[in-house]
Amino acid sequence: MTPPPADSTGAPAEPGDPTSPIDPADPLSSRRAIRESRGEGTRSSRRALLDSAPVPQKRGRRGTWGCLIVFLILAGLAGAAALLLQEPIGTVIGMVQGPADYDGAGGDEVIVMIHDGETGQDVANSLLAQDVVKSYDAFYEVLRAESPAPVFQPGAYRLAGKMSGRAALDALLDPENKLEQTVVIPEGTTTASVLQLISEGTSIPLVDLEAAAADVEPYGLPGEATTLEGFLFPATYTFPPETTAPEAIRTLVDRQFEALDAAEVAPENRWKTIVVAALIQREAGLTEDFYKVSRVFLNRLDPAKWQSGLLQSDATVAYGTGATDRVKTTDAERADAANAYNTYVHPGLPVGPISNPGDIAIDAAVNPADGTWLYFVSWNLDTGETIFSTTIAEHDAAVNKWLAWMDEHPEYG
């Protein structure tokens, strides 16, 4: 939940102000910066003037220059040695030993997906994110040294946690580790991406999957559903070789119904539960915060607690623009009433799910935490730590904490 920009007076509007369709005091997406741009004064440039005096004729000084060169080399070596002595021991060791790396072939099994069009950098980032390798460079430096350059085929690969960079590359190049007909679908993936993942991991053409997804009637979805969004359960699937596109989709839908049944959601409540769970899945960061985020949205749906009824979620706005890979939005996008998913303009829940939620998000939608919170802001973008607030004063203090953290981490922009 990102703090919004202040209005033209420099003060945030009161929550639920019916005169303002967008409540600048409040925001629900954690990565929208509100700092004003800071201009810097220009610096006068200086040009060196060329000396018009005649250049004297060079004289041979081989002996002198030879001594000078030897002196400079010795001085350079002494300076380098002094610099190393001043560096922390860990830095010096890192310079000698190379990037941080695990030893050996790893431990517990990890399934890694390689997607069509990914580069070596993308693969390195995926391995790091799943703790297959200890650092980006541990894998990427080994990959770059490989000749000829490896070509990875899209699909799922069986690796292990905490592998050395060399072991990870060897495992990816071993055909025995490529899992045929296997797909890994992360929580929060949207339907278009789910279909792409199924196609990459199986022999089912994407065009067949898109055609099978165009008509939702055969899958038994709630009457409000016009797409499959929200009802494709995120998990790891292995399909028989002969699986058709409709059969693959039905497998995911049936698995989502199983998750809803396990959470004791009655069939008549499936639609609302999935809409809320999909929103939580996109907005929450740490697992333990899912239940508090759920409570914030439910409190905002209560007219006695939040007059405007505006959820003010950037994730819903972004989804309505078609930019399903982000939650950051612009002022113009948040003011666009033509976007049916714009919860800064349209009160109540969004018109449909904005992702495919997993078990925890569904459970959080059914069993929200107890609390009076109306705001939240992720103040530490490295750890995902989030502050939940009931009053605008508390929220402002949380926003200031976030801004201070941002000032200390300019790499986040």
Protein backbone atom coordinates (compact mmCIF):
# COMPACT_ATOMS: atom_id res chain seq x y z
CA MET A 1 0.00 0.00 0.00
CA THR A 2 1.82 3.02 -1.24
CA PRO A 3 1.20 6.50 0.04
CA PRO A 4 -0.36 8.75 -2.56
CA PRO A 5 0.76 12.21 -3.54
CA ALA A 6 -0.61 15.13 -1.58
CA ASP A 7 -3.25 17.33 -3.18
CA SER A 8 -2.58 20.82 -4.54
CA THR A 9 -2.67 22.32 -1.06
CA GLY A 10 0.04 19.94 0.08
CA ALA A 11 -2.26 18.28 2.63
CA PRO A 12 -3.85 14.87 2.14
CA ALA A 13 -7.61 14.67 1.78
CA GLU A 14 -9.63 13.15 4.59
CA PRO A 15 -10.40 9.44 4.17
CA GLY A 16 -13.78 8.82 2.62
CA ASP A 17 -14.19 12.44 1.47
CA PRO A 18 -17.21 12.21 -0.87
CA THR A 19 -16.11 15.31 -2.80
CA SER A 20 -12.94 13.62 -3.98
CA PRO A 21 -13.23 10.46 -6.13
CA ILE A 22 -9.59 9.70 -5.42
CA ASP A 23 -8.45 9.74 -1.81
CA PRO A 24 -4.89 11.02 -1.92
CA ALA A 25 -4.40 10.24 1.73
CA ASP A 26 -4.41 6.67 1.08
CA PRO A 27 -3.11 4.08 -1.25
CA LEU A 28 -2.87 0.41 -1.19
CA SER A 29 0.09 -0.48 -3.38
CA SER A 30 3.52 -0.47 -1.85
CA ARG A 31 5.73 0.68 -4.66
CA ARG A 32 4.41 4.08 -5.82
CA ALA A 33 6.83 6.85 -4.88
CA ILE A 34 5.35 10.16 -3.76
CA ARG A 35 8.47 12.18 -3.30
CA GLU A 36 8.72 15.41 -5.24
CA SER A 37 11.49 15.52 -7.78
CA ARG A 38 14.49 17.43 -6.49
CA GLY A 39 16.12 19.77 -8.98
CA GLU A 40 19.82 20.50 -8.91
CA GLY A 41 21.46 23.70 -9.95
CA THR A 42 23.44 23.55 -13.17
CA ARG A 43 27.20 23.56 -13.06
CA SER A 44 29.22 25.85 -15.27
CA SER A 45 31.45 23.91 -17.61
CA ARG A 46 35.10 24.80 -18.01
CA ARG A 47 37.27 24.38 -21.05
CA ALA A 48 41.02 24.00 -20.93
CA LEU A 49 42.74 26.63 -23.06
CA LEU A 50 45.27 25.42 -25.57
CA ASP A 51 48.74 26.84 -25.09
CA SER A 52 49.70 28.60 -28.30
CA ALA A 53 53.39 28.64 -27.47
CA PRO A 54 55.59 26.59 -29.81
CA VAL A 55 56.22 23.04 -28.69
CA PRO A 56 59.90 22.53 -27.85
CA GLN A 57 61.78 19.83 -29.73
CA LYS A 58 61.91 16.53 -27.78
CA ARG A 59 65.28 15.39 -26.52
CA GLY A 60 66.26 11.80 -25.91
CA ARG A 61 66.20 10.85 -22.21
CA ARG A 62 66.01 7.07 -22.24
CA GLY A 63 67.96 6.60 -19.07
CA THR A 64 65.90 9.09 -17.10
CA TRP A 65 62.56 7.72 -18.38
CA GLY A 66 63.61 4.16 -17.65
CA CYS A 67 64.29 4.99 -14.00
CA LEU A 68 61.03 6.91 -13.79
CA ILE A 69 59.00 3.99 -15.17
CA VAL A 70 60.58 1.58 -12.68
CA PHE A 71 59.81 4.02 -9.88
CA LEU A 72 56.16 4.37 -10.96
CA ILE A 73 55.71 0.59 -11.13
CA LEU A 74 57.11 0.14 -7.64
CA ALA A 75 54.98 2.98 -6.34
CA GLY A 76 51.89 1.46 -7.92
CA LEU A 77 52.58 -1.92 -6.35
CA ALA A 78 53.11 -0.31 -2.97
CA GLY A 79 49.87 1.65 -3.32
CA ALA A 80 47.92 -1.47 -4.28
CA ALA A 81 49.34 -3.32 -1.30
CA ALA A 82 48.40 -0.45 1.00
CA LEU A 83 44.87 -0.40 -0.45
CA LEU A 84 44.46 -4.12 0.16
CA LEU A 85 45.65 -3.74 3.72
CA GLN A 86 43.03 -1.05 4.28
CA GLU A 87 40.20 -3.20 2.88
CA PRO A 88 38.14 -5.38 5.23
CA ILE A 89 39.40 -8.96 5.33
CA GLY A 90 36.12 -10.22 3.85
CA THR A 91 36.46 -7.89 0.86
CA VAL A 92 40.02 -8.98 0.16
CA ILE A 93 39.07 -12.65 0.44
CA GLY A 94 36.09 -12.05 -1.87
CA MET A 95 38.41 -10.47 -4.46
CA VAL A 96 40.60 -13.56 -4.35
CA GLN A 97 37.97 -16.28 -4.04
CA GLY A 98 35.33 -14.91 -6.43
CA PRO A 99 31.55 -14.69 -5.96
CA ALA A 100 29.71 -16.20 -3.01
CA ASP A 101 28.89 -19.78 -3.86
CA TYR A 102 27.53 -22.96 -2.28
CA ASP A 103 29.50 -26.21 -2.28
CA GLY A 104 28.38 -29.40 -3.93
CA ALA A 105 25.20 -30.62 -5.58
CA GLY A 106 22.70 -29.20 -3.09
CA GLY A 107 19.95 -30.69 -0.97
CA ASP A 108 16.15 -30.67 -1.24
CA GLU A 109 14.58 -30.85 -4.70
CA VAL A 110 13.60 -27.57 -6.36
CA ILE A 111 11.64 -27.31 -9.62
CA VAL A 112 12.77 -24.39 -11.77
CA MET A 113 10.92 -23.12 -14.84
CA ILE A 114 12.79 -21.67 -17.79
CA HIS A 115 10.54 -19.56 -19.97
CA ASP A 116 10.60 -18.97 -23.69
CA GLY A 117 12.90 -16.08 -24.61
CA GLU A 118 14.74 -15.91 -21.28
CA THR A 119 18.41 -14.95 -21.27
CA GLY A 120 21.22 -16.29 -19.13
CA GLN A 121 20.70 -13.33 -16.81
CA ASP A 122 17.04 -14.29 -16.39
CA VAL A 123 17.98 -17.87 -15.54
CA ALA A 124 20.58 -16.68 -13.03
CA ASN A 125 17.99 -14.47 -11.33
CA SER A 126 15.47 -17.33 -11.19
CA LEU A 127 18.01 -19.66 -9.59
CA LEU A 128 18.95 -17.00 -7.04
CA ALA A 129 15.30 -16.26 -6.20
CA GLN A 130 14.69 -19.95 -5.44
CA ASP A 131 17.93 -20.28 -3.44
CA VAL A 132 19.35 -22.79 -5.89
CA VAL A 133 22.54 -20.72 -6.06
CA LYS A 134 24.03 -18.43 -3.44
CA SER A 135 24.63 -15.44 -5.72
CA TYR A 136 23.86 -14.27 -9.23
CA ASP A 137 27.55 -14.27 -10.21
CA ALA A 138 28.11 -17.78 -8.85
CA PHE A 139 26.03 -19.08 -11.75
CA TYR A 140 26.40 -16.38 -14.38
CA GLU A 141 30.21 -16.34 -14.39
CA VAL A 142 30.28 -20.11 -14.94
CA LEU A 143 27.65 -19.76 -17.67
CA ARG A 144 29.61 -17.07 -19.49
CA ALA A 145 32.76 -19.18 -19.42
CA GLU A 146 30.97 -22.12 -21.04
CA SER A 147 31.83 -22.76 -24.69
CA PRO A 148 29.87 -23.18 -26.80
CA ALA A 149 27.20 -21.07 -25.11
CA PRO A 150 24.43 -23.29 -23.65
CA VAL A 151 20.94 -23.13 -25.11
CA PHE A 152 18.20 -23.80 -22.57
CA GLN A 153 14.87 -25.20 -23.67
CA PRO A 154 11.71 -23.77 -22.03
CA GLY A 155 10.19 -26.02 -19.44
CA ALA A 156 10.59 -27.39 -15.91
CA TYR A 157 13.91 -28.67 -14.56
CA ARG A 158 14.64 -30.73 -11.46
CA LEU A 159 17.43 -29.09 -9.48
CA ALA A 160 18.25 -28.83 -5.77
CA GLY A 161 18.50 -26.11 -3.18
CA LYS A 162 21.92 -24.62 -2.36
CA MET A 163 23.90 -25.88 -5.33
CA SER A 164 27.24 -24.52 -6.50
CA GLY A 165 27.04 -22.46 -9.69
CA ARG A 166 28.89 -25.20 -11.58
CA ALA A 167 26.57 -27.92 -10.27
CA ALA A 168 23.49 -25.87 -11.17
CA LEU A 169 24.65 -25.37 -14.74
CA ASP A 170 25.56 -29.04 -15.11
CA ALA A 171 22.11 -30.01 -13.84
CA LEU A 172 20.39 -27.71 -16.32
CA LEU A 173 22.43 -29.17 -19.18
CA ASP A 174 21.62 -32.75 -18.18
CA PRO A 175 18.61 -33.93 -20.25
CA GLU A 176 17.63 -36.29 -17.44
CA ASN A 177 16.71 -33.27 -15.29
CA LYS A 178 14.23 -31.78 -17.75
CA LEU A 179 10.75 -32.75 -16.60
CA GLU A 180 8.49 -33.46 -19.53
CA GLN A 181 4.87 -32.32 -19.36
CA THR A 182 5.54 -30.49 -16.07
CA VAL A 183 4.45 -26.94 -15.26
CA VAL A 184 5.15 -24.70 -12.25
CA ILE A 185 2.58 -21.94 -11.72
CA PRO A 186 3.41 -19.38 -8.99
CA GLU A 187 0.75 -17.77 -6.79
CA GLY A 188 -0.60 -14.54 -8.24
CA THR A 189 0.03 -15.48 -11.88
CA THR A 190 -2.62 -14.12 -14.24
CA THR A 191 -4.51 -16.34 -16.65
CA ALA A 192 -2.67 -15.22 -19.80
CA SER A 193 0.63 -16.14 -18.17
CA VAL A 194 -0.73 -19.45 -16.85
CA LEU A 195 -1.66 -20.51 -20.38
CA GLN A 196 1.82 -19.54 -21.57
CA LEU A 197 3.41 -21.60 -18.79
CA ILE A 198 1.31 -24.66 -19.65
CA SER A 199 2.35 -24.39 -23.28
CA GLU A 200 6.05 -24.03 -22.37
CA GLY A 201 6.02 -27.07 -20.09
CA THR A 202 3.92 -29.39 -22.22
CA SER A 203 3.31 -30.31 -25.83
CA ILE A 204 0.02 -28.37 -25.90
CA PRO A 205 0.12 -25.45 -28.37
CA LEU A 206 -0.66 -22.04 -26.87
CA VAL A 207 -3.28 -21.37 -29.53
CA ASP A 208 -5.19 -24.47 -28.40
CA LEU A 209 -5.09 -23.34 -24.77
CA GLU A 210 -6.29 -19.85 -25.64
CA ALA A 211 -9.16 -21.30 -27.67
CA ALA A 212 -10.12 -23.63 -24.82
CA ALA A 213 -10.04 -20.72 -22.35
CA ALA A 214 -12.26 -18.48 -24.47
CA ASP A 215 -15.44 -20.26 -23.37
CA VAL A 216 -15.67 -20.71 -19.60
CA GLU A 217 -19.06 -22.44 -19.58
CA PRO A 218 -17.71 -26.04 -19.67
CA TYR A 219 -15.66 -25.56 -16.48
CA GLY A 220 -18.48 -24.97 -14.01
CA LEU A 221 -17.38 -21.51 -12.86
CA PRO A 222 -19.68 -19.18 -10.90
CA GLY A 223 -22.20 -17.34 -13.04
CA GLU A 224 -20.39 -14.01 -12.60
CA ALA A 225 -17.22 -15.31 -14.25
CA THR A 226 -16.56 -14.28 -17.84
CA THR A 227 -12.94 -15.47 -17.88
CA LEU A 228 -10.89 -18.12 -16.10
CA GLU A 229 -9.12 -15.48 -14.01
CA GLY A 230 -8.94 -16.53 -10.37
CA PHE A 231 -9.91 -20.14 -10.95
CA LEU A 232 -6.62 -21.64 -12.17
CA PHE A 233 -4.97 -22.93 -9.01
CA PRO A 234 -1.23 -22.18 -8.77
CA ALA A 235 0.81 -25.35 -8.19
CA THR A 236 3.18 -27.79 -9.90
CA TYR A 237 1.44 -30.08 -12.41
CA THR A 238 2.62 -33.03 -14.45
CA PHE A 239 0.27 -33.92 -17.31
CA PRO A 240 0.06 -37.18 -19.26
CA PRO A 241 1.50 -36.77 -22.79
CA GLU A 242 -1.90 -37.05 -24.46
CA THR A 243 -3.53 -34.29 -22.36
CA THR A 244 -5.64 -31.86 -24.39
CA ALA A 245 -5.97 -28.12 -23.78
CA PRO A 246 -9.48 -28.34 -22.22
CA GLU A 247 -8.32 -31.22 -19.99
CA ALA A 248 -5.32 -29.27 -18.74
CA ILE A 249 -7.48 -26.24 -17.93
CA ARG A 250 -10.08 -28.38 -16.19
CA THR A 251 -7.33 -29.90 -14.02
CA LEU A 252 -6.39 -26.45 -12.72
CA VAL A 253 -10.02 -25.36 -12.23
CA ASP A 254 -10.92 -28.53 -10.34
CA ARG A 255 -7.86 -28.02 -8.14
CA GLN A 256 -9.05 -24.50 -7.31
CA PHE A 257 -12.47 -25.87 -6.37
CA GLU A 258 -10.69 -28.33 -4.07
CA ALA A 259 -8.87 -25.45 -2.39
CA LEU A 260 -12.14 -23.56 -1.90
CA ASP A 261 -13.82 -26.65 -0.48
CA ALA A 262 -10.89 -27.20 1.89
CA ALA A 263 -11.37 -23.63 3.12
CA GLU A 264 -15.08 -24.45 3.67
CA VAL A 265 -16.25 -21.93 1.08
CA ALA A 266 -19.80 -22.70 -0.03
CA PRO A 267 -20.33 -22.81 -3.81
CA GLU A 268 -22.49 -19.68 -3.68
CA ASN A 269 -19.61 -17.79 -2.03
CA ARG A 270 -16.88 -18.89 -4.39
CA TRP A 271 -16.98 -15.78 -6.56
CA LYS A 272 -16.62 -13.18 -3.80
CA THR A 273 -14.00 -15.26 -2.01
CA ILE A 274 -11.87 -15.57 -5.13
CA VAL A 275 -12.18 -11.84 -5.92
CA VAL A 276 -10.95 -10.93 -2.41
CA ALA A 277 -8.27 -13.63 -2.36
CA ALA A 278 -6.91 -12.57 -5.75
CA LEU A 279 -6.62 -8.98 -4.47
CA ILE A 280 -4.84 -10.10 -1.29
CA GLN A 281 -2.48 -12.26 -3.34
CA ARG A 282 -1.35 -9.25 -5.39
CA GLU A 283 -1.23 -6.68 -2.58
CA ALA A 284 0.27 -8.58 0.36
CA GLY A 285 3.97 -9.22 0.75
CA LEU A 286 4.95 -11.41 3.69
CA THR A 287 2.78 -14.44 4.36
CA GLU A 288 1.89 -13.30 7.86
CA ASP A 289 0.54 -10.03 6.46
CA PHE A 290 -2.04 -11.67 4.20
CA TYR A 291 -4.58 -11.80 7.02
CA LYS A 292 -4.10 -8.14 7.97
CA VAL A 293 -4.35 -7.01 4.35
CA SER A 294 -7.60 -8.95 4.12
CA ARG A 295 -8.92 -7.06 7.15
CA VAL A 296 -7.97 -3.68 5.67
CA PHE A 297 -9.99 -4.35 2.53
CA LEU A 298 -12.97 -5.69 4.48
CA ASN A 299 -12.89 -2.63 6.76
CA ARG A 300 -12.95 -0.40 3.70
CA LEU A 301 -16.02 -2.20 2.46
CA ASP A 302 -17.80 -1.24 5.73
CA PRO A 303 -19.52 2.18 5.28
CA ALA A 304 -19.38 2.75 9.03
CA LYS A 305 -15.57 2.58 8.90
CA TRP A 306 -14.78 3.92 5.44
CA GLN A 307 -17.36 6.26 3.98
CA SER A 308 -16.26 6.34 0.35
CA GLY A 309 -16.09 2.56 -0.08
CA LEU A 310 -13.06 3.03 -2.35
CA LEU A 311 -10.49 0.27 -1.90
CA GLN A 312 -7.85 2.36 -3.69
CA SER A 313 -5.72 -0.55 -4.86
CA ASP A 314 -3.11 0.20 -7.50
CA ALA A 315 -2.96 -3.51 -8.33
CA THR A 316 -6.56 -3.44 -9.56
CA VAL A 317 -5.93 -0.28 -11.61
CA ALA A 318 -2.85 -1.81 -13.25
CA TYR A 319 -4.76 -5.00 -14.04
CA GLY A 320 -7.47 -2.97 -15.78
CA THR A 321 -4.87 -1.30 -17.99
CA GLY A 322 -3.58 -4.69 -19.09
CA ALA A 323 -0.26 -4.20 -17.25
CA THR A 324 -0.60 -7.29 -15.11
CA ASP A 325 3.13 -7.40 -14.31
CA ARG A 326 3.12 -4.30 -12.09
CA VAL A 327 1.21 -2.54 -9.34
CA LYS A 328 2.66 0.94 -9.83
CA THR A 329 0.26 3.34 -11.56
CA THR A 330 0.15 6.94 -12.75
CA ASP A 331 -2.13 9.80 -11.69
CA ALA A 332 -3.92 9.58 -15.04
CA GLU A 333 -4.51 5.84 -14.66
CA ARG A 334 -5.91 6.29 -11.16
CA ALA A 335 -8.29 8.98 -12.45
CA ASP A 336 -9.56 6.92 -15.41
CA ALA A 337 -13.21 6.08 -14.75
CA ALA A 338 -13.36 4.04 -17.96
CA ASN A 339 -11.23 1.39 -16.26
CA ALA A 340 -13.78 -0.94 -14.68
CA TYR A 341 -11.09 -2.25 -12.29
CA ASN A 342 -10.23 1.24 -11.02
CA THR A 343 -10.93 1.06 -7.29
CA TYR A 344 -9.87 4.69 -6.89
CA VAL A 345 -13.04 5.68 -8.79
CA HIS A 346 -15.44 2.74 -8.46
CA PRO A 347 -16.39 1.77 -4.88
CA GLY A 348 -16.58 -1.80 -3.64
CA LEU A 349 -14.71 -4.87 -4.84
CA PRO A 350 -13.23 -4.92 -8.33
CA VAL A 351 -15.47 -6.34 -11.04
CA GLY A 352 -13.49 -9.58 -11.07
CA PRO A 353 -10.37 -11.39 -9.82
CA ILE A 354 -7.00 -9.85 -10.75
CA SER A 355 -4.86 -12.98 -10.29
CA ASN A 356 -5.00 -16.67 -9.50
CA PRO A 357 -4.66 -16.97 -5.70
CA GLY A 358 -3.27 -19.86 -3.69
CA ASP A 359 -4.24 -21.53 -0.42
CA ILE A 360 -2.96 -18.84 1.95
CA ALA A 361 -4.69 -15.99 0.15
CA ILE A 362 -7.95 -17.96 0.11
CA ASP A 363 -7.63 -18.71 3.81
CA ALA A 364 -6.92 -15.03 4.52
CA ALA A 365 -10.03 -14.01 2.59
CA VAL A 366 -12.12 -16.41 4.69
CA ASN A 367 -10.37 -15.80 8.03
CA PRO A 368 -9.13 -12.19 8.16
CA ALA A 369 -7.22 -10.98 11.20
CA ASP A 370 -9.09 -8.99 13.82
CA GLY A 371 -8.23 -5.29 13.67
CA THR A 372 -9.36 -1.75 12.91
CA TRP A 373 -6.70 -1.03 10.26
CA LEU A 374 -7.60 1.09 7.26
CA TYR A 375 -4.12 1.66 5.82
CA PHE A 376 -0.90 -0.20 5.20
CA VAL A 377 2.47 0.68 3.74
CA SER A 378 5.49 -1.53 3.11
CA TRP A 379 8.24 0.61 4.58
CA ASN A 380 11.19 -1.74 3.92
CA LEU A 381 11.21 -2.95 0.34
CA ASP A 382 14.12 -5.33 1.00
CA THR A 383 12.33 -7.31 3.70
CA GLY A 384 8.70 -6.53 2.84
CA GLU A 385 8.03 -5.32 6.40
CA THR A 386 4.68 -3.54 6.46
CA ILE A 387 3.06 -1.10 8.89
CA PHE A 388 -0.72 -1.27 9.38
CA SER A 389 -2.52 1.82 10.67
CA THR A 390 -5.99 2.81 11.81
CA THR A 391 -5.73 6.62 11.69
CA ILE A 392 -4.39 8.97 9.06
CA ALA A 393 -1.87 10.32 11.59
CA GLU A 394 -0.47 6.82 12.15
CA HIS A 395 -0.37 6.24 8.43
CA ASP A 396 1.47 9.53 7.80
CA ALA A 397 4.10 8.48 10.34
CA ALA A 398 4.46 5.13 8.56
CA VAL A 399 4.80 6.89 5.22
CA ASN A 400 7.54 9.11 6.63
CA LYS A 401 9.37 6.00 7.79
CA TRP A 402 9.10 4.57 4.31
CA LEU A 403 10.35 7.80 2.74
CA ALA A 404 13.32 7.86 5.10
CA TRP A 405 14.14 4.30 4.08
CA MET A 406 13.84 5.26 0.41
CA ASP A 407 16.25 8.16 0.95
CA GLU A 408 18.76 5.67 2.31
CA HIS A 409 18.20 3.30 -0.65
CA PRO A 410 18.28 5.42 -3.82
CA GLU A 411 18.59 2.27 -5.91
CA TYR A 412 14.82 1.84 -5.53
CA GLY A 413 14.18 5.17 -7.24
